Amino acid sequence: MNLIDVFNLTPTDVITITGGGGKTSLMFALGRELTAAGQAHVITTTAKICVADVNPAQVLIDSNIDTIIAEIKKDPAKEWVIGRETVAQQKIAGFDDTNLCKLHQALSPLVIINEGDGSNRRPYKFYADYEPAIPTLTTKIIHVIGAETFRQPIDETLFHRSQLFDGEEPVFDEAVLKRTLETFSRTKLNPHFDQTIDRILLINKADGAQLENARQMAQIGKMIFPRCLISSLKEGWIKAC
């Protein structure tokens, strides 16, 4: 897919992935491409990663970031998934801003791929006040949404935390999509990041019959996000809107 070029990755980027509908798939696809390119990187989270999604041989867990740094220096080419602890043996919890900054400086040049929130395996979500957790050193935000959400009922079938939707519309139509993306940008990004940070909308799962949905969603998304892409990570393609 050549994600390195598509996302214009640099050797010091800190990428935070938010939303739903392919965050974890994108995170590991980016990791595989960076490994193939010989670029040092780590995968982590400021939310929680399911242990079941990760190869145990990749996992490095320690509450002391200095220990993490020392272990990575022994094998910098390895595709590490790092965290400070495991929660109930099911989730990997990551580090705070201070520790991520220390990691980034100690191992530079280093790409950090960070999963910034969870969607309980749904293709999109509505946000609580404390979400997402985007580190201040982030240089690229990739906001992901699944194409199968378009014009579908707003309930827990496809939308994590559907009870947080503040409108009265029953369906995730054009107007709701536009308002939702505008709200995310205005309340979750603008207060913390200026316009120099890369803001990318990725409409994923655009395979088969969902391709037309993705195209229509992209017409709305590119009015709000400076860059908009559609993809099928499952089929292995990605392109500009």
C-alpha atoms as a PDB file:
ATOM      1  CA  MET A   1       0.000   0.000   0.000  1.00  0.00           C
ATOM      2  CA  ASN A   2       3.029   2.278   0.452  1.00  0.00           C
ATOM      3  CA  LEU A   3       1.588   3.935   3.545  1.00  0.00           C
ATOM      4  CA  ILE A   4       4.894   5.669   4.266  1.00  0.00           C
ATOM      5  CA  ASP A   5       4.516   7.780   1.129  1.00  0.00           C
ATOM      6  CA  VAL A   6       0.736   8.170   1.349  1.00  0.00           C
ATOM      7  CA  PHE A   7       0.991   9.638   4.855  1.00  0.00           C
ATOM      8  CA  ASN A   8       4.268  11.483   4.113  1.00  0.00           C
ATOM      9  CA  LEU A   9       5.943   9.883   7.121  1.00  0.00           C
ATOM     10  CA  THR A  10       9.233  11.248   8.400  1.00  0.00           C
ATOM     11  CA  PRO A  11      11.717   9.421  10.676  1.00  0.00           C
ATOM     12  CA  THR A  12      10.616  11.457  13.720  1.00  0.00           C
ATOM     13  CA  ASP A  13       6.851  11.451  13.284  1.00  0.00           C
ATOM     14  CA  VAL A  14       4.514  10.753  16.190  1.00  0.00           C
ATOM     15  CA  ILE A  15       1.263   9.406  14.737  1.00  0.00           C
ATOM     16  CA  THR A  16      -1.911   9.189  16.803  1.00  0.00           C
ATOM     17  CA  ILE A  17      -4.777   7.158  15.348  1.00  0.00           C
ATOM     18  CA  THR A  18      -8.320   7.859  16.560  1.00  0.00           C
ATOM     19  CA  GLY A  19     -11.873   6.853  15.656  1.00  0.00           C
ATOM     20  CA  GLY A  20     -12.916   3.338  14.662  1.00  0.00           C
ATOM     21  CA  GLY A  21     -13.165   0.974  11.728  1.00  0.00           C
ATOM     22  CA  GLY A  22      -9.534   0.023  11.280  1.00  0.00           C
ATOM     23  CA  LYS A  23      -7.319   1.789  13.839  1.00  0.00           C
ATOM     24  CA  THR A  24      -5.551  -1.381  14.939  1.00  0.00           C
ATOM     25  CA  SER A  25      -5.208  -2.695  11.379  1.00  0.00           C
ATOM     26  CA  LEU A  26      -3.704   0.613  10.270  1.00  0.00           C
ATOM     27  CA  MET A  27      -1.369   0.714  13.255  1.00  0.00           C
ATOM     28  CA  PHE A  28       0.138  -2.677  12.456  1.00  0.00           C
ATOM     29  CA  ALA A  29       0.188  -2.059   8.694  1.00  0.00           C
ATOM     30  CA  LEU A  30       2.238   1.084   9.303  1.00  0.00           C
ATOM     31  CA  GLY A  31       4.519  -0.902  11.595  1.00  0.00           C
ATOM     32  CA  ARG A  32       5.129  -3.586   8.979  1.00  0.00           C
ATOM     33  CA  GLU A  33       6.017  -1.018   6.328  1.00  0.00           C
ATOM     34  CA  LEU A  34       8.388   0.834   8.650  1.00  0.00           C
ATOM     35  CA  THR A  35      10.072  -2.457   9.565  1.00  0.00           C
ATOM     36  CA  ALA A  36      10.519  -3.309   5.879  1.00  0.00           C
ATOM     37  CA  ALA A  37      11.982   0.164   5.295  1.00  0.00           C
ATOM     38  CA  GLY A  38      14.426  -0.248   8.191  1.00  0.00           C
ATOM     39  CA  GLN A  39      12.900   2.675  10.095  1.00  0.00           C
ATOM     40  CA  ALA A  40      13.031   2.464  13.894  1.00  0.00           C
ATOM     41  CA  HIS A  41       9.581   2.711  15.440  1.00  0.00           C
ATOM     42  CA  VAL A  42       7.437   1.602  18.349  1.00  0.00           C
ATOM     43  CA  ILE A  43       3.731   0.901  18.619  1.00  0.00           C
ATOM     44  CA  THR A  44       1.954   2.015  21.769  1.00  0.00           C
ATOM     45  CA  THR A  45      -1.298   3.422  23.109  1.00  0.00           C
ATOM     46  CA  THR A  46      -2.627   6.237  25.240  1.00  0.00           C
ATOM     47  CA  ALA A  47      -5.812   4.181  25.573  1.00  0.00           C
ATOM     48  CA  LYS A  48      -5.567   0.371  25.698  1.00  0.00           C
ATOM     49  CA  ILE A  49      -4.588  -2.288  23.158  1.00  0.00           C
ATOM     50  CA  CYS A  50      -6.127  -5.759  23.304  1.00  0.00           C
ATOM     51  CA  VAL A  51      -3.478  -8.331  24.190  1.00  0.00           C
ATOM     52  CA  ALA A  52      -5.126 -10.736  21.739  1.00  0.00           C
ATOM     53  CA  ASP A  53      -4.297  -8.364  18.847  1.00  0.00           C
ATOM     54  CA  VAL A  54      -0.553  -8.473  19.485  1.00  0.00           C
ATOM     55  CA  ASN A  55       2.156 -11.054  18.831  1.00  0.00           C
ATOM     56  CA  PRO A  56       3.517 -11.837  22.321  1.00  0.00           C
ATOM     57  CA  ALA A  57       7.068 -11.793  20.940  1.00  0.00           C
ATOM     58  CA  GLN A  58       6.652  -8.081  20.153  1.00  0.00           C
ATOM     59  CA  VAL A  59       5.374  -7.003  23.562  1.00  0.00           C
ATOM     60  CA  LEU A  60       7.551  -5.069  26.000  1.00  0.00           C
ATOM     61  CA  ILE A  61       5.855  -4.146  29.280  1.00  0.00           C
ATOM     62  CA  ASP A  62       7.487  -2.225  32.111  1.00  0.00           C
ATOM     63  CA  SER A  63       6.356   0.682  34.262  1.00  0.00           C
ATOM     64  CA  ASN A  64       9.827   2.260  34.038  1.00  0.00           C
ATOM     65  CA  ILE A  65      10.373   4.018  30.702  1.00  0.00           C
ATOM     66  CA  ASP A  66      14.149   3.816  31.193  1.00  0.00           C
ATOM     67  CA  THR A  67      13.895   0.026  31.186  1.00  0.00           C
ATOM     68  CA  ILE A  68      11.830   0.183  27.991  1.00  0.00           C
ATOM     69  CA  ILE A  69      14.440   2.424  26.357  1.00  0.00           C
ATOM     70  CA  ALA A  70      17.303   0.152  27.383  1.00  0.00           C
ATOM     71  CA  GLU A  71      15.587  -2.955  26.000  1.00  0.00           C
ATOM     72  CA  ILE A  72      14.775  -1.286  22.677  1.00  0.00           C
ATOM     73  CA  LYS A  73      18.400  -0.169  22.303  1.00  0.00           C
ATOM     74  CA  LYS A  74      19.428  -3.853  22.435  1.00  0.00           C
ATOM     75  CA  ASP A  75      17.311  -4.613  19.363  1.00  0.00           C
ATOM     76  CA  PRO A  76      16.227  -1.361  17.700  1.00  0.00           C
ATOM     77  CA  ALA A  77      15.126  -3.088  14.483  1.00  0.00           C
ATOM     78  CA  LYS A  78      12.462  -5.130  16.252  1.00  0.00           C
ATOM     79  CA  GLU A  79       8.823  -4.119  15.864  1.00  0.00           C
ATOM     80  CA  TRP A  80       8.117  -3.366  19.522  1.00  0.00           C
ATOM     81  CA  VAL A  81       4.696  -2.917  21.088  1.00  0.00           C
ATOM     82  CA  ILE A  82       5.294  -1.149  24.384  1.00  0.00           C
ATOM     83  CA  GLY A  83       3.231  -0.410  27.476  1.00  0.00           C
ATOM     84  CA  ARG A  84       3.537   0.321  31.160  1.00  0.00           C
ATOM     85  CA  GLU A  85       1.279  -2.537  32.352  1.00  0.00           C
ATOM     86  CA  THR A  86      -1.273  -5.144  31.388  1.00  0.00           C
ATOM     87  CA  VAL A  87      -4.781  -4.706  32.752  1.00  0.00           C
ATOM     88  CA  ALA A  88      -6.653  -7.869  33.797  1.00  0.00           C
ATOM     89  CA  GLN A  89      -4.330  -9.781  31.418  1.00  0.00           C
ATOM     90  CA  GLN A  90      -6.472  -8.499  28.545  1.00  0.00           C
ATOM     91  CA  LYS A  91      -5.321  -4.962  27.733  1.00  0.00           C
ATOM     92  CA  ILE A  92      -2.011  -3.163  27.357  1.00  0.00           C
ATOM     93  CA  ALA A  93      -1.969   0.323  28.904  1.00  0.00           C
ATOM     94  CA  GLY A  94       0.559   2.868  27.695  1.00  0.00           C
ATOM     95  CA  PHE A  95       2.583   5.835  28.915  1.00  0.00           C
ATOM     96  CA  ASP A  96       1.844   9.488  29.577  1.00  0.00           C
ATOM     97  CA  ASP A  97       3.192  12.508  27.692  1.00  0.00           C
ATOM     98  CA  THR A  98       6.285  12.934  29.834  1.00  0.00           C
ATOM     99  CA  ASN A  99       7.427   9.366  29.320  1.00  0.00           C
ATOM    100  CA  LEU A 100       6.644   9.361  25.599  1.00  0.00           C
ATOM    101  CA  CYS A 101       8.720  12.531  25.170  1.00  0.00           C
ATOM    102  CA  LYS A 102      11.603  10.898  27.014  1.00  0.00           C
ATOM    103  CA  LEU A 103      11.324   7.797  24.812  1.00  0.00           C
ATOM    104  CA  HIS A 104      11.198   9.852  21.625  1.00  0.00           C
ATOM    105  CA  GLN A 105      14.244  11.901  22.554  1.00  0.00           C
ATOM    106  CA  ALA A 106      16.303   8.950  23.769  1.00  0.00           C
ATOM    107  CA  LEU A 107      15.784   6.841  20.650  1.00  0.00           C
ATOM    108  CA  SER A 108      15.617   9.546  17.971  1.00  0.00           C
ATOM    109  CA  PRO A 109      15.092   9.207  15.069  1.00  0.00           C
ATOM    110  CA  LEU A 110      12.062   7.184  16.072  1.00  0.00           C
ATOM    111  CA  VAL A 111       8.528   6.951  14.730  1.00  0.00           C
ATOM    112  CA  ILE A 112       5.874   6.444  17.420  1.00  0.00           C
ATOM    113  CA  ILE A 113       2.565   4.927  16.296  1.00  0.00           C
ATOM    114  CA  ASN A 114       0.002   5.546  18.996  1.00  0.00           C
ATOM    115  CA  GLU A 115      -3.566   4.299  19.288  1.00  0.00           C
ATOM    116  CA  GLY A 116      -5.373   7.224  20.889  1.00  0.00           C
ATOM    117  CA  ASP A 117      -8.731   5.718  21.800  1.00  0.00           C
ATOM    118  CA  GLY A 118     -10.827   2.560  21.687  1.00  0.00           C
ATOM    119  CA  SER A 119     -14.060   1.826  19.826  1.00  0.00           C
ATOM    120  CA  ASN A 120     -14.887  -1.623  21.194  1.00  0.00           C
ATOM    121  CA  ARG A 121     -14.428  -3.038  17.678  1.00  0.00           C
ATOM    122  CA  ARG A 122     -17.136  -0.819  16.192  1.00  0.00           C
ATOM    123  CA  PRO A 123     -16.510   1.154  12.980  1.00  0.00           C
ATOM    124  CA  TYR A 124     -17.049   4.492  14.715  1.00  0.00           C
ATOM    125  CA  LYS A 125     -17.781   6.057  18.094  1.00  0.00           C
ATOM    126  CA  PHE A 126     -19.068   9.100  19.904  1.00  0.00           C
ATOM    127  CA  TYR A 127     -16.740  10.721  22.393  1.00  0.00           C
ATOM    128  CA  ALA A 128     -16.738  11.162  26.139  1.00  0.00           C
ATOM    129  CA  ASP A 129     -15.182  14.361  27.494  1.00  0.00           C
ATOM    130  CA  TYR A 130     -11.885  12.638  28.346  1.00  0.00           C
ATOM    131  CA  GLU A 131     -11.405  11.083  24.907  1.00  0.00           C
ATOM    132  CA  PRO A 132      -9.315  10.788  22.799  1.00  0.00           C
ATOM    133  CA  ALA A 133      -5.911  10.833  24.512  1.00  0.00           C
ATOM    134  CA  ILE A 134      -3.654  12.555  21.982  1.00  0.00           C
ATOM    135  CA  PRO A 135      -0.045  13.136  23.147  1.00  0.00           C
ATOM    136  CA  THR A 136       1.183  16.707  22.853  1.00  0.00           C
ATOM    137  CA  LEU A 137       4.168  15.574  20.757  1.00  0.00           C
ATOM    138  CA  THR A 138       1.859  14.189  18.050  1.00  0.00           C
ATOM    139  CA  THR A 139       2.766  15.368  14.552  1.00  0.00           C
ATOM    140  CA  LYS A 140       0.066  13.496  12.600  1.00  0.00           C
ATOM    141  CA  ILE A 141      -3.506  12.691  13.600  1.00  0.00           C
ATOM    142  CA  ILE A 142      -5.260  10.041  11.522  1.00  0.00           C
ATOM    143  CA  HIS A 143      -8.986   9.889  12.267  1.00  0.00           C
ATOM    144  CA  VAL A 144     -10.561   6.655  11.017  1.00  0.00           C
ATOM    145  CA  ILE A 145     -14.198   5.854  10.246  1.00  0.00           C
ATOM    146  CA  GLY A 146     -15.710   2.764   8.647  1.00  0.00           C
ATOM    147  CA  ALA A 147     -17.681   3.294   5.427  1.00  0.00           C
ATOM    148  CA  GLU A 148     -20.405   0.889   6.583  1.00  0.00           C
ATOM    149  CA  THR A 149     -21.646   3.492   9.094  1.00  0.00           C
ATOM    150  CA  PHE A 150     -23.076   5.750   6.379  1.00  0.00           C
ATOM    151  CA  ARG A 151     -26.867   6.091   6.487  1.00  0.00           C
ATOM    152  CA  GLN A 152     -27.134   3.430   9.186  1.00  0.00           C
ATOM    153  CA  PRO A 153     -29.069   3.568  12.490  1.00  0.00           C
ATOM    154  CA  ILE A 154     -27.207   5.268  15.325  1.00  0.00           C
ATOM    155  CA  ASP A 155     -27.049   2.500  17.907  1.00  0.00           C
ATOM    156  CA  GLU A 156     -24.512   0.161  19.499  1.00  0.00           C
ATOM    157  CA  THR A 157     -24.493  -2.141  16.481  1.00  0.00           C
ATOM    158  CA  LEU A 158     -22.077   0.159  14.634  1.00  0.00           C
ATOM    159  CA  PHE A 159     -21.385   3.038  17.028  1.00  0.00           C
ATOM    160  CA  HIS A 160     -19.472   2.714  20.283  1.00  0.00           C
ATOM    161  CA  ARG A 161     -20.960   4.943  23.004  1.00  0.00           C
ATOM    162  CA  SER A 162     -24.000   5.646  20.826  1.00  0.00           C
ATOM    163  CA  GLN A 163     -25.746   7.014  23.926  1.00  0.00           C
ATOM    164  CA  LEU A 164     -23.394  10.021  23.746  1.00  0.00           C
ATOM    165  CA  PHE A 165     -24.817  11.125  20.390  1.00  0.00           C
ATOM    166  CA  ASP A 166     -26.398  14.494  21.159  1.00  0.00           C
ATOM    167  CA  GLY A 167     -28.760  14.762  18.195  1.00  0.00           C
ATOM    168  CA  GLU A 168     -32.245  13.515  17.521  1.00  0.00           C
ATOM    169  CA  GLU A 169     -31.623  12.010  14.098  1.00  0.00           C
ATOM    170  CA  PRO A 170     -32.004   8.219  14.023  1.00  0.00           C
ATOM    171  CA  VAL A 171     -29.599   7.669  11.106  1.00  0.00           C
ATOM    172  CA  PHE A 172     -25.952   8.595  10.448  1.00  0.00           C
ATOM    173  CA  ASP A 173     -26.706  10.558   7.291  1.00  0.00           C
ATOM    174  CA  GLU A 174     -24.822  13.330   5.474  1.00  0.00           C
ATOM    175  CA  ALA A 175     -25.830  16.041   7.935  1.00  0.00           C
ATOM    176  CA  VAL A 176     -24.926  13.965  10.986  1.00  0.00           C
ATOM    177  CA  LEU A 177     -21.588  12.945   9.496  1.00  0.00           C
ATOM    178  CA  LYS A 178     -20.709  16.570   8.750  1.00  0.00           C
ATOM    179  CA  ARG A 179     -21.733  17.770  12.205  1.00  0.00           C
ATOM    180  CA  THR A 180     -19.905  14.897  13.902  1.00  0.00           C
ATOM    181  CA  LEU A 181     -16.625  15.530  12.085  1.00  0.00           C
ATOM    182  CA  GLU A 182     -16.903  19.286  12.658  1.00  0.00           C
ATOM    183  CA  THR A 183     -17.501  18.698  16.369  1.00  0.00           C
ATOM    184  CA  PHE A 184     -14.519  16.356  16.617  1.00  0.00           C
ATOM    185  CA  SER A 185     -12.256  18.883  14.914  1.00  0.00           C
ATOM    186  CA  ARG A 186     -13.562  21.854  16.925  1.00  0.00           C
ATOM    187  CA  THR A 187     -13.641  20.228  20.379  1.00  0.00           C
ATOM    188  CA  LYS A 188     -10.940  17.555  20.261  1.00  0.00           C
ATOM    189  CA  LEU A 189      -8.280  19.019  17.973  1.00  0.00           C
ATOM    190  CA  ASN A 190      -8.516  22.816  17.799  1.00  0.00           C
ATOM    191  CA  PRO A 191      -8.116  23.469  21.562  1.00  0.00           C
ATOM    192  CA  HIS A 192      -4.875  21.491  21.687  1.00  0.00           C
ATOM    193  CA  PHE A 193      -3.224  21.655  18.245  1.00  0.00           C
ATOM    194  CA  ASP A 194      -2.655  24.404  15.722  1.00  0.00           C
ATOM    195  CA  GLN A 195      -3.105  24.021  11.986  1.00  0.00           C
ATOM    196  CA  THR A 196       0.515  22.955  11.417  1.00  0.00           C
ATOM    197  CA  ILE A 197      -0.220  19.439  12.648  1.00  0.00           C
ATOM    198  CA  ASP A 198      -1.255  17.013   9.901  1.00  0.00           C
ATOM    199  CA  ARG A 199      -4.965  16.183  10.227  1.00  0.00           C
ATOM    200  CA  ILE A 200      -5.974  13.253   8.067  1.00  0.00           C
ATOM    201  CA  LEU A 201      -9.379  11.610   7.712  1.00  0.00           C
ATOM    202  CA  LEU A 202      -9.274   7.961   6.613  1.00  0.00           C
ATOM    203  CA  ILE A 203     -12.538   6.393   5.447  1.00  0.00           C
ATOM    204  CA  ASN A 204     -11.749   2.699   5.647  1.00  0.00           C
ATOM    205  CA  LYS A 205     -13.550  -0.528   4.755  1.00  0.00           C
ATOM    206  CA  ALA A 206     -14.415   0.890   1.338  1.00  0.00           C
ATOM    207  CA  ASP A 207     -14.517  -2.578  -0.163  1.00  0.00           C
ATOM    208  CA  GLY A 208     -17.246  -3.997  -2.364  1.00  0.00           C
ATOM    209  CA  ALA A 209     -20.586  -2.242  -2.031  1.00  0.00           C
ATOM    210  CA  GLN A 210     -19.166   0.214   0.532  1.00  0.00           C
ATOM    211  CA  LEU A 211     -16.978   1.986  -2.022  1.00  0.00           C
ATOM    212  CA  GLU A 212     -19.745   4.358  -3.096  1.00  0.00           C
ATOM    213  CA  ASN A 213     -20.539   5.125   0.553  1.00  0.00           C
ATOM    214  CA  ALA A 214     -16.874   5.957   1.123  1.00  0.00           C
ATOM    215  CA  ARG A 215     -16.819   8.292  -1.873  1.00  0.00           C
ATOM    216  CA  GLN A 216     -19.888  10.173  -0.680  1.00  0.00           C
ATOM    217  CA  MET A 217     -18.508  10.404   2.864  1.00  0.00           C
ATOM    218  CA  ALA A 218     -15.240  11.726   1.450  1.00  0.00           C
ATOM    219  CA  GLN A 219     -17.004  14.648  -0.222  1.00  0.00           C
ATOM    220  CA  ILE A 220     -18.097  15.747   3.246  1.00  0.00           C
ATOM    221  CA  GLY A 221     -14.903  14.821   5.043  1.00  0.00           C
ATOM    222  CA  LYS A 222     -12.586  16.803   2.796  1.00  0.00           C
ATOM    223  CA  MET A 223     -14.481  19.989   3.657  1.00  0.00           C
ATOM    224  CA  ILE A 224     -13.409  19.545   7.293  1.00  0.00           C
ATOM    225  CA  PHE A 225     -10.060  17.723   7.211  1.00  0.00           C
ATOM    226  CA  PRO A 226      -7.141  19.109   5.171  1.00  0.00           C
ATOM    227  CA  ARG A 227      -6.430  15.600   3.873  1.00  0.00           C
ATOM    228  CA  CYS A 228      -8.960  12.862   3.200  1.00  0.00           C
ATOM    229  CA  LEU A 229      -8.221   9.297   2.094  1.00  0.00           C
ATOM    230  CA  ILE A 230     -10.354   6.260   1.367  1.00  0.00           C
ATOM    231  CA  SER A 231      -9.080   2.731   1.782  1.00  0.00           C
ATOM    232  CA  SER A 232      -9.690  -0.933   2.168  1.00  0.00           C
ATOM    233  CA  LEU A 233      -6.950  -2.113   4.473  1.00  0.00           C
ATOM    234  CA  LYS A 234      -8.448  -5.586   4.086  1.00  0.00           C
ATOM    235  CA  GLU A 235      -7.951  -5.489   0.307  1.00  0.00           C
ATOM    236  CA  GLY A 236      -4.653  -3.638   0.613  1.00  0.00           C
ATOM    237  CA  TRP A 237      -5.321  -0.292  -1.086  1.00  0.00           C
ATOM    238  CA  ILE A 238      -5.546   3.373  -0.157  1.00  0.00           C
ATOM    239  CA  LYS A 239      -6.013   6.521  -2.245  1.00  0.00           C
ATOM    240  CA  ALA A 240      -6.756  10.214  -1.979  1.00  0.00           C
ATOM    241  CA  CYS A 241     -10.379  11.361  -2.021  1.00  0.00           C
END
